[in-house]
Amino acid sequence: MSWAGRVLAALIANILGLLAAAYVVTGFTITGDAVTYLKIGLILTALNFVLKPILKLILTPVIILTLGLGLIVVNAFVLYVLDILSTDLTIQGTVPLVYAAVLVGVINFIVHVVTKVRT
């Protein structure tokens, strides 16, 4: 898959993850319309391509010791930064943050696996 296709798949996965988190997780709210979801999805995609690899590198020992559960901390921190950067996103507490991080991470993983299989 080309780089542009990979970015587009990541953007779609992030928007779907944000939609699911806003619908399922109490305390995770996004105010706005489809353009707002697109804007927040673009910011999350950029954070995933820039910040997430750095955090994974720094937290590699924690990720290994927890058998991969440390990735929830990485995803939660990325969502926390997204909450700081976006005025349209509100995360009310640690529990909604962790639930949303797990949900967005699972949806990203599923989309990643599906796009790898199709290519």
Protein backbone atom coordinates (compact mmCIF):
# COMPACT_ATOMS: atom_id res chain seq x y z
CA MET A 1 0.00 0.00 0.00
CA SER A 2 1.29 3.45 -0.85
CA TRP A 3 2.09 6.05 1.77
CA ALA A 4 -1.02 8.08 0.87
CA GLY A 5 -3.19 4.99 1.12
CA ARG A 6 -1.71 4.17 4.50
CA VAL A 7 -2.42 7.69 5.78
CA LEU A 8 -5.98 7.56 4.41
CA ALA A 9 -6.62 4.18 6.06
CA ALA A 10 -5.25 5.51 9.35
CA LEU A 11 -7.44 8.61 9.07
CA ILE A 12 -10.56 6.54 8.44
CA ALA A 13 -9.69 4.20 11.32
CA ASN A 14 -9.14 7.12 13.68
CA ILE A 15 -12.43 8.76 12.71
CA LEU A 16 -14.27 5.45 13.20
CA GLY A 17 -12.55 4.99 16.56
CA LEU A 18 -13.50 8.48 17.67
CA LEU A 19 -17.10 7.92 16.56
CA ALA A 20 -17.27 4.64 18.46
CA ALA A 21 -15.68 6.14 21.57
CA ALA A 22 -18.03 9.13 21.53
CA TYR A 23 -21.00 6.79 21.16
CA VAL A 24 -20.00 4.08 23.66
CA VAL A 25 -17.81 5.69 26.33
CA THR A 26 -19.55 7.87 28.88
CA GLY A 27 -17.41 10.92 29.59
CA PHE A 28 -15.86 11.03 26.11
CA THR A 29 -17.70 13.68 24.12
CA ILE A 30 -17.08 15.38 20.80
CA THR A 31 -19.15 18.45 20.07
CA GLY A 32 -19.65 19.31 16.45
CA ASP A 33 -20.49 17.87 13.09
CA ALA A 34 -18.70 15.73 10.51
CA VAL A 35 -16.13 18.45 9.82
CA THR A 36 -15.23 18.43 13.51
CA TYR A 37 -14.70 14.66 13.42
CA LEU A 38 -12.53 15.08 10.33
CA LYS A 39 -10.47 17.80 12.01
CA ILE A 40 -9.98 15.78 15.20
CA GLY A 41 -9.27 12.66 13.13
CA LEU A 42 -6.55 14.54 11.22
CA ILE A 43 -4.95 15.72 14.44
CA LEU A 44 -5.08 12.19 15.90
CA THR A 45 -3.57 10.74 12.73
CA ALA A 46 -0.74 13.25 12.85
CA LEU A 47 -0.13 12.44 16.52
CA ASN A 48 -0.12 8.73 15.71
CA PHE A 49 2.50 9.22 13.00
CA VAL A 50 4.72 11.60 14.99
CA LEU A 51 4.26 11.19 18.75
CA LYS A 52 3.28 7.53 19.05
CA PRO A 53 6.53 6.04 17.65
CA ILE A 54 8.57 8.21 20.01
CA LEU A 55 6.48 7.09 23.00
CA LYS A 56 6.74 3.45 21.93
CA LEU A 57 10.51 3.77 21.73
CA ILE A 58 10.76 5.39 25.16
CA LEU A 59 8.33 2.93 26.80
CA THR A 60 9.62 -0.24 25.10
CA PRO A 61 10.73 -1.84 28.40
CA VAL A 62 7.32 -1.17 29.96
CA ILE A 63 5.54 -2.54 26.90
CA ILE A 64 7.65 -5.70 26.98
CA LEU A 65 7.27 -6.23 30.74
CA THR A 66 3.49 -5.82 30.54
CA LEU A 67 3.25 -8.09 27.49
CA GLY A 68 1.87 -5.31 25.32
CA LEU A 69 -0.54 -3.77 27.81
CA GLY A 70 1.76 -0.74 28.02
CA LEU A 71 0.42 0.21 24.60
CA ILE A 72 -2.78 1.25 26.36
CA VAL A 73 -0.71 3.85 28.23
CA VAL A 74 0.75 5.07 24.92
CA ASN A 75 -2.70 5.31 23.31
CA ALA A 76 -4.13 7.02 26.41
CA PHE A 77 -1.34 9.60 26.40
CA VAL A 78 -1.91 10.32 22.70
CA LEU A 79 -5.65 10.82 23.38
CA TYR A 80 -4.78 13.05 26.35
CA VAL A 81 -2.62 15.23 24.11
CA LEU A 82 -5.46 15.28 21.58
CA ASP A 83 -7.81 16.44 24.35
CA ILE A 84 -5.41 19.28 25.14
CA LEU A 85 -5.05 20.30 21.47
CA SER A 86 -8.74 20.17 20.53
CA THR A 87 -11.45 22.30 22.09
CA ASP A 88 -14.19 20.12 20.56
CA LEU A 89 -13.09 16.99 22.45
CA THR A 90 -13.76 16.53 26.15
CA ILE A 91 -12.52 13.58 28.18
CA GLN A 92 -13.85 13.65 31.73
CA GLY A 93 -11.48 11.59 33.83
CA THR A 94 -9.05 8.72 33.64
CA VAL A 95 -11.54 5.88 33.21
CA PRO A 96 -13.14 7.30 30.03
CA LEU A 97 -9.63 8.06 28.76
CA VAL A 98 -8.52 4.45 29.21
CA TYR A 99 -11.74 3.01 27.75
CA ALA A 100 -11.51 5.32 24.73
CA ALA A 101 -7.82 4.46 24.28
CA VAL A 102 -8.63 0.75 24.25
CA LEU A 103 -11.54 1.20 21.84
CA VAL A 104 -9.63 3.45 19.42
CA GLY A 105 -6.62 1.12 19.60
CA VAL A 106 -8.70 -1.97 18.83
CA ILE A 107 -10.40 -0.30 15.87
CA ASN A 108 -7.03 0.91 14.55
CA PHE A 109 -5.65 -2.62 14.92
CA ILE A 110 -8.60 -4.16 13.05
CA VAL A 111 -8.31 -1.67 10.18
CA HIS A 112 -4.55 -2.22 10.06
CA VAL A 113 -4.98 -6.00 9.83
CA VAL A 114 -7.69 -5.70 7.15
CA THR A 115 -5.59 -3.36 5.02
CA LYS A 116 -2.54 -5.62 5.34
CA VAL A 117 -4.56 -8.65 4.23
CA ARG A 118 -6.07 -6.89 1.23
CA THR A 119 -2.73 -5.71 -0.19
